[in-house]
Amino acid sequence: TPETVREHYALLAGKASACVGCGACEARCPFGVPVRE
């Protein structure tokens, strides 16, 4: 994990750790991306 990537991630208002696993994102994805994973 390059420091620059870590710094940019830290600036995000919503982090991946907040994911509740509802799956709404996967239902909308046209490409079947495993978003929760």
Full PDB file with SEQRES, HELIX, SHEET, SSBOND, CRYST1, ORIGX, SCALE, CONECT and MASTER records, all heavy atoms in Angstrom:
SEQRES   1 A   37  THR PRO GLU THR VAL ARG GLU HIS TYR ALA LEU LEU ALA          
SEQRES   2 A   37  GLY LYS ALA SER ALA CYS VAL GLY CYS GLY ALA CYS GLU          
SEQRES   3 A   37  ALA ARG CYS PRO PHE GLY VAL PRO VAL ARG GLU                  
HELIX    1 AA1 GLU A    3  ALA A   10  1                                   8    
HELIX    2 AA2 ALA A   16  ALA A   18  5                                   3    
HELIX    3 AA3 ALA A   24  ARG A   28  1                                   5    
CRYST1    1.000    1.000    1.000  90.00  90.00  90.00 P 1           1          
ORIGX1      1.000000  0.000000  0.000000        0.00000                         
ORIGX2      0.000000  1.000000  0.000000        0.00000                         
ORIGX3      0.000000  0.000000  1.000000        0.00000                         
SCALE1      1.000000  0.000000  0.000000        0.00000                         
SCALE2      0.000000  1.000000  0.000000        0.00000                         
SCALE3      0.000000  0.000000  1.000000        0.00000                         
ATOM      1  N   THR A   1       0.842  -1.194   0.000  1.00  0.00           N  
ATOM      2  CA  THR A   1       0.000   0.000   0.000  1.00  0.00           C  
ATOM      3  C   THR A   1       0.875   1.241   0.000  1.00  0.00           C  
ATOM      4  O   THR A   1       1.426   1.613   1.045  1.00  0.00           O  
ATOM      5  CB  THR A   1      -0.920   0.014   1.233  1.00  0.00           C  
ATOM      6  OG1 THR A   1      -1.634  -1.226   1.305  1.00  0.00           O  
ATOM      7  CG2 THR A   1      -1.918   1.161   1.138  1.00  0.00           C  
ATOM      8  N   PRO A   2       1.048   1.890  -1.154  1.00  0.00           N  
ATOM      9  CA  PRO A   2       1.853   3.114  -1.190  1.00  0.00           C  
ATOM     10  C   PRO A   2       1.268   4.181  -0.275  1.00  0.00           C  
ATOM     11  O   PRO A   2       0.054   4.266  -0.102  1.00  0.00           O  
ATOM     12  CB  PRO A   2       1.775   3.536  -2.669  1.00  0.00           C  
ATOM     13  CG  PRO A   2       1.384   2.298  -3.410  1.00  0.00           C  
ATOM     14  CD  PRO A   2       0.515   1.529  -2.469  1.00  0.00           C  
ATOM     15  N   GLU A   3       2.113   4.991   0.307  1.00  0.00           N  
ATOM     16  CA  GLU A   3       1.659   6.007   1.250  1.00  0.00           C  
ATOM     17  C   GLU A   3       0.692   6.995   0.591  1.00  0.00           C  
ATOM     18  O   GLU A   3      -0.264   7.442   1.216  1.00  0.00           O  
ATOM     19  CB  GLU A   3       2.857   6.752   1.840  1.00  0.00           C  
ATOM     20  CG  GLU A   3       2.504   7.617   3.041  1.00  0.00           C  
ATOM     21  CD  GLU A   3       1.883   6.811   4.179  1.00  0.00           C  
ATOM     22  OE1 GLU A   3       2.259   5.637   4.369  1.00  0.00           O  
ATOM     23  OE2 GLU A   3       0.999   7.368   4.856  1.00  0.00           O  
ATOM     24  N   THR A   4       0.963   7.313  -0.687  1.00  0.00           N  
ATOM     25  CA  THR A   4       0.075   8.261  -1.375  1.00  0.00           C  
ATOM     26  C   THR A   4      -1.338   7.689  -1.505  1.00  0.00           C  
ATOM     27  O   THR A   4      -2.324   8.414  -1.362  1.00  0.00           O  
ATOM     28  CB  THR A   4       0.617   8.606  -2.762  1.00  0.00           C  
ATOM     29  OG1 THR A   4       0.862   7.388  -3.490  1.00  0.00           O  
ATOM     30  CG2 THR A   4       1.902   9.403  -2.666  1.00  0.00           C  
ATOM     31  N   VAL A   5      -1.431   6.389  -1.789  1.00  0.00           N  
ATOM     32  CA  VAL A   5      -2.749   5.749  -1.893  1.00  0.00           C  
ATOM     33  C   VAL A   5      -3.424   5.744  -0.523  1.00  0.00           C  
ATOM     34  O   VAL A   5      -4.626   6.038  -0.396  1.00  0.00           O  
ATOM     35  CB  VAL A   5      -2.608   4.312  -2.441  1.00  0.00           C  
ATOM     36  CG1 VAL A   5      -3.956   3.590  -2.385  1.00  0.00           C  
ATOM     37  CG2 VAL A   5      -2.085   4.334  -3.868  1.00  0.00           C  
ATOM     38  N   ARG A   6      -2.660   5.432   0.515  1.00  0.00           N  
ATOM     39  CA  ARG A   6      -3.225   5.418   1.857  1.00  0.00           C  
ATOM     40  C   ARG A   6      -3.740   6.808   2.248  1.00  0.00           C  
ATOM     41  O   ARG A   6      -4.802   6.951   2.865  1.00  0.00           O  
ATOM     42  CB  ARG A   6      -2.178   4.939   2.860  1.00  0.00           C  
ATOM     43  CG  ARG A   6      -2.733   4.665   4.252  1.00  0.00           C  
ATOM     44  CD  ARG A   6      -1.664   4.111   5.176  1.00  0.00           C  
ATOM     45  NE  ARG A   6      -1.190   2.804   4.748  1.00  0.00           N  
ATOM     46  CZ  ARG A   6      -1.821   1.663   4.979  1.00  0.00           C  
ATOM     47  NH1 ARG A   6      -2.974   1.667   5.641  1.00  0.00           N  
ATOM     48  NH2 ARG A   6      -1.322   0.516   4.564  1.00  0.00           N  
ATOM     49  N   GLU A   7      -2.979   7.842   1.885  1.00  0.00           N  
ATOM     50  CA  GLU A   7      -3.389   9.209   2.205  1.00  0.00           C  
ATOM     51  C   GLU A   7      -4.670   9.598   1.478  1.00  0.00           C  
ATOM     52  O   GLU A   7      -5.564  10.215   2.062  1.00  0.00           O  
ATOM     53  CB  GLU A   7      -2.265  10.182   1.850  1.00  0.00           C  
ATOM     54  CG  GLU A   7      -1.050  10.080   2.769  1.00  0.00           C  
ATOM     55  CD  GLU A   7       0.108  10.920   2.278  1.00  0.00           C  
ATOM     56  OE1 GLU A   7      -0.016  11.531   1.194  1.00  0.00           O  
ATOM     57  OE2 GLU A   7       1.149  10.955   2.964  1.00  0.00           O  
ATOM     58  N   HIS A   8      -4.764   9.234   0.197  1.00  0.00           N  
ATOM     59  CA  HIS A   8      -5.978   9.559  -0.555  1.00  0.00           C  
ATOM     60  C   HIS A   8      -7.178   8.795   0.003  1.00  0.00           C  
ATOM     61  O   HIS A   8      -8.292   9.329   0.082  1.00  0.00           O  
ATOM     62  CB  HIS A   8      -5.789   9.233  -2.032  1.00  0.00           C  
ATOM     63  CG  HIS A   8      -4.975  10.250  -2.778  1.00  0.00           C  
ATOM     64  ND1 HIS A   8      -3.664  10.065  -3.109  1.00  0.00           N  
ATOM     65  CD2 HIS A   8      -5.293  11.476  -3.233  1.00  0.00           C  
ATOM     66  CE1 HIS A   8      -3.207  11.128  -3.745  1.00  0.00           C  
ATOM     67  NE2 HIS A   8      -4.173  12.000  -3.832  1.00  0.00           N  
ATOM     68  N   TYR A   9      -6.951   7.548   0.390  1.00  0.00           N  
ATOM     69  CA  TYR A   9      -8.042   6.770   0.983  1.00  0.00           C  
ATOM     70  C   TYR A   9      -8.515   7.425   2.282  1.00  0.00           C  
ATOM     71  O   TYR A   9      -9.719   7.509   2.552  1.00  0.00           O  
ATOM     72  CB  TYR A   9      -7.585   5.335   1.251  1.00  0.00           C  
ATOM     73  CG  TYR A   9      -8.654   4.467   1.880  1.00  0.00           C  
ATOM     74  CD1 TYR A   9      -9.622   3.855   1.099  1.00  0.00           C  
ATOM     75  CD2 TYR A   9      -8.703   4.290   3.267  1.00  0.00           C  
ATOM     76  CE1 TYR A   9     -10.619   3.080   1.673  1.00  0.00           C  
ATOM     77  CE2 TYR A   9      -9.700   3.511   3.851  1.00  0.00           C  
ATOM     78  CZ  TYR A   9     -10.653   2.912   3.058  1.00  0.00           C  
ATOM     79  OH  TYR A   9     -11.644   2.150   3.616  1.00  0.00           O  
ATOM     80  N   ALA A  10      -7.565   7.910   3.071  1.00  0.00           N  
ATOM     81  CA  ALA A  10      -7.903   8.513   4.367  1.00  0.00           C  
ATOM     82  C   ALA A  10      -8.787   9.742   4.214  1.00  0.00           C  
ATOM     83  O   ALA A  10      -9.528  10.097   5.139  1.00  0.00           O  
ATOM     84  CB  ALA A  10      -6.626   8.875   5.127  1.00  0.00           C  
ATOM     85  N   LEU A  11      -8.733  10.399   3.069  1.00  0.00           N  
ATOM     86  CA  LEU A  11      -9.533  11.595   2.841  1.00  0.00           C  
ATOM     87  C   LEU A  11     -10.989  11.284   2.480  1.00  0.00           C  
ATOM     88  O   LEU A  11     -11.827  12.194   2.468  1.00  0.00           O  
ATOM     89  CB  LEU A  11      -8.909  12.442   1.723  1.00  0.00           C  
ATOM     90  CG  LEU A  11      -7.530  13.059   2.041  1.00  0.00           C  
ATOM     91  CD1 LEU A  11      -6.973  13.740   0.804  1.00  0.00           C  
ATOM     92  CD2 LEU A  11      -7.632  14.041   3.197  1.00  0.00           C  
ATOM     93  N   LEU A  12     -11.287  10.017   2.188  1.00  0.00           N  
ATOM     94  CA  LEU A  12     -12.660   9.656   1.831  1.00  0.00           C  
ATOM     95  C   LEU A  12     -13.570   9.822   3.037  1.00  0.00           C  
ATOM     96  O   LEU A  12     -13.227   9.426   4.155  1.00  0.00           O  
ATOM     97  CB  LEU A  12     -12.718   8.210   1.335  1.00  0.00           C  
ATOM     98  CG  LEU A  12     -12.017   7.900   0.004  1.00  0.00           C  
ATOM     99  CD1 LEU A  12     -12.095   6.411  -0.296  1.00  0.00           C  
ATOM    100  CD2 LEU A  12     -12.635   8.700  -1.136  1.00  0.00           C  
ATOM    101  N   ALA A  13     -14.741  10.389   2.808  1.00  0.00           N  
ATOM    102  CA  ALA A  13     -15.683  10.593   3.907  1.00  0.00           C  
ATOM    103  C   ALA A  13     -16.227   9.275   4.429  1.00  0.00           C  
ATOM    104  O   ALA A  13     -16.436   9.108   5.632  1.00  0.00           O  
ATOM    105  CB  ALA A  13     -16.825  11.503   3.445  1.00  0.00           C  
ATOM    106  N   GLY A  14     -16.470   8.331   3.517  1.00  0.00           N  
ATOM    107  CA  GLY A  14     -16.991   7.022   3.902  1.00  0.00           C  
ATOM    108  C   GLY A  14     -15.975   5.938   3.614  1.00  0.00           C  
ATOM    109  O   GLY A  14     -15.531   5.790   2.471  1.00  0.00           O  
ATOM    110  N   LYS A  15     -15.583   5.185   4.622  1.00  0.00           N  
ATOM    111  CA  LYS A  15     -14.563   4.146   4.472  1.00  0.00           C  
ATOM    112  C   LYS A  15     -15.224   2.785   4.252  1.00  0.00           C  
ATOM    113  O   LYS A  15     -16.389   2.550   4.620  1.00  0.00           O  
ATOM    114  CB  LYS A  15     -13.662   4.078   5.708  1.00  0.00           C  
ATOM    115  CG  LYS A  15     -13.044   5.415   6.123  1.00  0.00           C  
ATOM    116  CD  LYS A  15     -12.065   5.914   5.097  1.00  0.00           C  
ATOM    117  CE  LYS A  15     -11.213   7.057   5.651  1.00  0.00           C  
ATOM    118  NZ  LYS A  15     -12.009   8.257   5.976  1.00  0.00           N  
ATOM    119  N   ALA A  16     -14.465   1.850   3.701  1.00  0.00           N  
ATOM    120  CA  ALA A  16     -14.986   0.506   3.445  1.00  0.00           C  
ATOM    121  C   ALA A  16     -15.408  -0.187   4.728  1.00  0.00           C  
ATOM    122  O   ALA A  16     -16.308  -1.035   4.726  1.00  0.00           O  
ATOM    123  CB  ALA A  16     -13.923  -0.320   2.722  1.00  0.00           C  
ATOM    124  N   SER A  17     -14.780   0.171   5.845  1.00  0.00           N  
ATOM    125  CA  SER A  17     -15.101  -0.472   7.124  1.00  0.00           C  
ATOM    126  C   SER A  17     -16.531  -0.181   7.569  1.00  0.00           C  
ATOM    127  O   SER A  17     -17.064  -0.882   8.441  1.00  0.00           O  
ATOM    128  CB  SER A  17     -14.118  -0.010   8.203  1.00  0.00           C  
ATOM    129  OG  SER A  17     -14.120   1.403   8.306  1.00  0.00           O  
ATOM    130  N   ALA A  18     -17.154   0.849   6.963  1.00  0.00           N  
ATOM    131  CA  ALA A  18     -18.538   1.176   7.328  1.00  0.00           C  
ATOM    132  C   ALA A  18     -19.556   0.310   6.596  1.00  0.00           C  
ATOM    133  O   ALA A  18     -20.763   0.398   6.880  1.00  0.00           O  
ATOM    134  CB  ALA A  18     -18.809   2.649   7.027  1.00  0.00           C  
ATOM    135  N   CYS A  19     -19.110  -0.517   5.665  1.00  0.00           N  
ATOM    136  CA  CYS A  19     -20.026  -1.324   4.857  1.00  0.00           C  
ATOM    137  C   CYS A  19     -20.887  -2.222   5.745  1.00  0.00           C  
ATOM    138  O   CYS A  19     -20.375  -2.928   6.622  1.00  0.00           O  
ATOM    139  CB  CYS A  19     -19.228  -2.172   3.854  1.00  0.00           C  
ATOM    140  SG  CYS A  19     -20.247  -3.238   2.814  1.00  0.00           S  
ATOM    141  N   VAL A  20     -22.197  -2.212   5.503  1.00  0.00           N  
ATOM    142  CA  VAL A  20     -23.125  -3.032   6.277  1.00  0.00           C  
ATOM    143  C   VAL A  20     -23.536  -4.287   5.519  1.00  0.00           C  
ATOM    144  O   VAL A  20     -24.362  -5.074   6.007  1.00  0.00           O  
ATOM    145  CB  VAL A  20     -24.378  -2.213   6.672  1.00  0.00           C  
ATOM    146  CG1 VAL A  20     -23.984  -1.078   7.596  1.00  0.00           C  
ATOM    147  CG2 VAL A  20     -25.103  -1.685   5.427  1.00  0.00           C  
ATOM    148  N   GLY A  21     -22.987  -4.468   4.296  1.00  0.00           N  
ATOM    149  CA  GLY A  21     -23.248  -5.688   3.543  1.00  0.00           C  
ATOM    150  C   GLY A  21     -24.662  -5.811   3.025  1.00  0.00           C  
ATOM    151  O   GLY A  21     -25.170  -6.925   2.832  1.00  0.00           O  
ATOM    152  N   CYS A  22     -25.317  -4.669   2.741  1.00  0.00           N  
ATOM    153  CA  CYS A  22     -26.713  -4.729   2.297  1.00  0.00           C  
ATOM    154  C   CYS A  22     -26.853  -5.245   0.869  1.00  0.00           C  
ATOM    155  O   CYS A  22     -27.915  -5.732   0.477  1.00  0.00           O  
ATOM    156  CB  CYS A  22     -27.364  -3.359   2.443  1.00  0.00           C  
ATOM    157  SG  CYS A  22     -26.701  -2.101   1.305  1.00  0.00           S  
ATOM    158  N   GLY A  23     -25.810  -5.072   0.060  1.00  0.00           N  
ATOM    159  CA  GLY A  23     -25.838  -5.577  -1.307  1.00  0.00           C  
ATOM    160  C   GLY A  23     -26.535  -4.692  -2.313  1.00  0.00           C  
ATOM    161  O   GLY A  23     -26.687  -5.083  -3.478  1.00  0.00           O  
ATOM    162  N   ALA A  24     -26.974  -3.494  -1.899  1.00  0.00           N  
ATOM    163  CA  ALA A  24     -27.657  -2.601  -2.845  1.00  0.00           C  
ATOM    164  C   ALA A  24     -26.752  -2.243  -4.011  1.00  0.00           C  
ATOM    165  O   ALA A  24     -27.197  -2.132  -5.161  1.00  0.00           O  
ATOM    166  CB  ALA A  24     -28.113  -1.329  -2.121  1.00  0.00           C  
ATOM    167  N   CYS A  25     -25.461  -2.059  -3.734  1.00  0.00           N  
ATOM    168  CA  CYS A  25     -24.500  -1.716  -4.786  1.00  0.00           C  
ATOM    169  C   CYS A  25     -24.374  -2.831  -5.813  1.00  0.00           C  
ATOM    170  O   CYS A  25     -24.349  -2.573  -7.023  1.00  0.00           O  
ATOM    171  CB  CYS A  25     -23.129  -1.412  -4.157  1.00  0.00           C  
ATOM    172  SG  CYS A  25     -22.588  -2.676  -2.984  1.00  0.00           S  
ATOM    173  N   GLU A  26     -24.326  -4.067  -5.332  1.00  0.00           N  
ATOM    174  CA  GLU A  26     -24.176  -5.203  -6.248  1.00  0.00           C  
ATOM    175  C   GLU A  26     -25.411  -5.367  -7.121  1.00  0.00           C  
ATOM    176  O   GLU A  26     -25.313  -5.749  -8.296  1.00  0.00           O  
ATOM    177  CB  GLU A  26     -23.893  -6.480  -5.458  1.00  0.00           C  
ATOM    178  CG  GLU A  26     -22.520  -6.482  -4.798  1.00  0.00           C  
ATOM    179  CD  GLU A  26     -22.204  -7.790  -4.102  1.00  0.00           C  
ATOM    180  OE1 GLU A  26     -23.074  -8.696  -4.106  1.00  0.00           O  
ATOM    181  OE2 GLU A  26     -21.091  -7.918  -3.548  1.00  0.00           O  
ATOM    182  N   ALA A  27     -26.563  -5.064  -6.569  1.00  0.00           N  
ATOM    183  CA  ALA A  27     -27.799  -5.178  -7.351  1.00  0.00           C  
ATOM    184  C   ALA A  27     -27.831  -4.181  -8.495  1.00  0.00           C  
ATOM    185  O   ALA A  27     -28.447  -4.434  -9.536  1.00  0.00           O  
ATOM    186  CB  ALA A  27     -29.008  -4.968  -6.436  1.00  0.00           C  
ATOM    187  N   ARG A  28     -27.139  -3.047  -8.330  1.00  0.00           N  
ATOM    188  CA  ARG A  28     -27.134  -2.007  -9.373  1.00  0.00           C  
ATOM    189  C   ARG A  28     -25.973  -2.144 -10.346  1.00  0.00           C  
ATOM    190  O   ARG A  28     -25.970  -1.502 -11.390  1.00  0.00           O  
ATOM    191  CB  ARG A  28     -27.080  -0.624  -8.718  1.00  0.00           C  
ATOM    192  CG  ARG A  28     -28.361  -0.212  -8.020  1.00  0.00           C  
ATOM    193  CD  ARG A  28     -28.334   1.251  -7.639  1.00  0.00           C  
ATOM    194  NE  ARG A  28     -27.357   1.513  -6.586  1.00  0.00           N  
ATOM    195  CZ  ARG A  28     -27.638   1.548  -5.286  1.00  0.00           C  
ATOM    196  NH1 ARG A  28     -28.874   1.346  -4.879  1.00  0.00           N  
ATOM    197  NH2 ARG A  28     -26.698   1.800  -4.399  1.00  0.00           N  
ATOM    198  N   CYS A  29     -24.962  -2.945 -10.035  1.00  0.00           N  
ATOM    199  CA  CYS A  29     -23.755  -3.022 -10.859  1.00  0.00           C  
ATOM    200  C   CYS A  29     -24.029  -3.750 -12.172  1.00  0.00           C  
ATOM    201  O   CYS A  29     -24.451  -4.911 -12.162  1.00  0.00           O  
ATOM    202  CB  CYS A  29     -22.635  -3.743 -10.104  1.00  0.00           C  
ATOM    203  SG  CYS A  29     -21.122  -3.913 -11.081  1.00  0.00           S  
ATOM    204  N   PRO A  30     -23.800  -3.114 -13.324  1.00  0.00           N  
ATOM    205  CA  PRO A  30     -24.051  -3.777 -14.610  1.00  0.00           C  
ATOM    206  C   PRO A  30     -23.048  -4.875 -14.922  1.00  0.00           C  
ATOM    207  O   PRO A  30     -23.269  -5.667 -15.844  1.00  0.00           O  
ATOM    208  CB  PRO A  30     -23.908  -2.634 -15.636  1.00  0.00           C  
ATOM    209  CG  PRO A  30     -23.898  -1.370 -14.843  1.00  0.00           C  
ATOM    210  CD  PRO A  30     -23.362  -1.726 -13.494  1.00  0.00           C  
ATOM    211  N   PHE A  31     -21.937  -4.933 -14.164  1.00  0.00           N  
ATOM    212  CA  PHE A  31     -20.846  -5.847 -14.506  1.00  0.00           C  
ATOM    213  C   PHE A  31     -20.644  -6.962 -13.486  1.00  0.00           C  
ATOM    214  O   PHE A  31     -19.673  -7.710 -13.560  1.00  0.00           O  
ATOM    215  CB  PHE A  31     -19.541  -5.051 -14.679  1.00  0.00           C  
ATOM    216  CG  PHE A  31     -19.668  -3.939 -15.678  1.00  0.00           C  
ATOM    217  CD1 PHE A  31     -19.716  -2.617 -15.269  1.00  0.00           C  
ATOM    218  CD2 PHE A  31     -19.791  -4.205 -17.031  1.00  0.00           C  
ATOM    219  CE1 PHE A  31     -19.853  -1.586 -16.179  1.00  0.00           C  
ATOM    220  CE2 PHE A  31     -19.941  -3.187 -17.953  1.00  0.00           C  
ATOM    221  CZ  PHE A  31     -19.976  -1.873 -17.537  1.00  0.00           C  
ATOM    222  N   GLY A  32     -21.560  -7.085 -12.532  1.00  0.00           N  
ATOM    223  CA  GLY A  32     -21.494  -8.194 -11.586  1.00  0.00           C  
ATOM    224  C   GLY A  32     -20.266  -8.174 -10.693  1.00  0.00           C  
ATOM    225  O   GLY A  32     -19.743  -9.234 -10.332  1.00  0.00           O  
ATOM    226  N   VAL A  33     -19.802  -6.991 -10.323  1.00  0.00           N  
ATOM    227  CA  VAL A  33     -18.611  -6.879  -9.475  1.00  0.00           C  
ATOM    228  C   VAL A  33     -18.957  -7.312  -8.049  1.00  0.00           C  
ATOM    229  O   VAL A  33     -19.998  -6.887  -7.504  1.00  0.00           O  
ATOM    230  CB  VAL A  33     -18.086  -5.425  -9.469  1.00  0.00           C  
ATOM    231  CG1 VAL A  33     -16.933  -5.263  -8.476  1.00  0.00           C  
ATOM    232  CG2 VAL A  33     -17.638  -5.037 -10.870  1.00  0.00           C  
ATOM    233  N   PRO A  34     -18.115  -8.134  -7.410  1.00  0.00           N  
ATOM    234  CA  PRO A  34     -18.358  -8.537  -6.016  1.00  0.00           C  
ATOM    235  C   PRO A  34     -18.003  -7.404  -5.061  1.00  0.00           C  
ATOM    236  O   PRO A  34     -16.973  -7.429  -4.383  1.00  0.00           O  
ATOM    237  CB  PRO A  34     -17.442  -9.752  -5.853  1.00  0.00           C  
ATOM    238  CG  PRO A  34     -16.301  -9.506  -6.783  1.00  0.00           C  
ATOM    239  CD  PRO A  34     -16.910  -8.786  -7.964  1.00  0.00           C  
ATOM    240  N   VAL A  35     -18.863  -6.415  -4.973  1.00  0.00           N  
ATOM    241  CA  VAL A  35     -18.544  -5.191  -4.237  1.00  0.00           C  
ATOM    242  C   VAL A  35     -18.340  -5.468  -2.754  1.00  0.00           C  
ATOM    243  O   VAL A  35     -17.395  -4.959  -2.137  1.00  0.00           O  
ATOM    244  CB  VAL A  35     -19.655  -4.134  -4.428  1.00  0.00           C  
ATOM    245  CG1 VAL A  35     -19.315  -2.875  -3.641  1.00  0.00           C  
ATOM    246  CG2 VAL A  35     -19.826  -3.810  -5.906  1.00  0.00           C  
ATOM    247  N   ARG A  36     -19.197  -6.267  -2.156  1.00  0.00           N  
ATOM    248  CA  ARG A  36     -19.070  -6.527  -0.718  1.00  0.00           C  
ATOM    249  C   ARG A  36     -17.741  -7.212  -0.397  1.00  0.00           C  
ATOM    250  O   ARG A  36     -17.093  -6.883   0.593  1.00  0.00           O  
ATOM    251  CB  ARG A  36     -20.258  -7.367  -0.233  1.00  0.00           C  
ATOM    252  CG  ARG A  36     -21.557  -6.568  -0.134  1.00  0.00           C  
ATOM    253  CD  ARG A  36     -22.742  -7.428   0.217  1.00  0.00           C  
ATOM    254  NE  ARG A  36     -23.134  -8.289  -0.897  1.00  0.00           N  
ATOM    255  CZ  ARG A  36     -24.225  -9.062  -0.890  1.00  0.00           C  
ATOM    256  NH1 ARG A  36     -25.017  -9.074   0.180  1.00  0.00           N  
ATOM    257  NH2 ARG A  36     -24.538  -9.804  -1.930  1.00  0.00           N  
ATOM    258  N   GLU A  37     -17.347  -8.109  -1.249  1.00  0.00           N  
ATOM    259  CA  GLU A  37     -16.040  -8.766  -1.069  1.00  0.00           C  
ATOM    260  C   GLU A  37     -14.906  -7.746  -1.170  1.00  0.00           C  
ATOM    261  O   GLU A  37     -13.949  -7.771  -0.387  1.00  0.00           O  
ATOM    262  CB  GLU A  37     -15.871  -9.861  -2.123  1.00  0.00           C  
ATOM    263  CG  GLU A  37     -14.551 -10.603  -2.050  1.00  0.00           C  
ATOM    264  CD  GLU A  37     -14.416 -11.634  -3.153  1.00  0.00           C  
ATOM    265  OE1 GLU A  37     -15.453 -12.215  -3.556  1.00  0.00           O  
ATOM    266  OE2 GLU A  37     -13.269 -11.860  -3.630  1.00  0.00           O  
TER     267      GLU A  37                                                      
MASTER        0    0    0    3    0    0    0    6  266    1    0    3          
END                                                                             
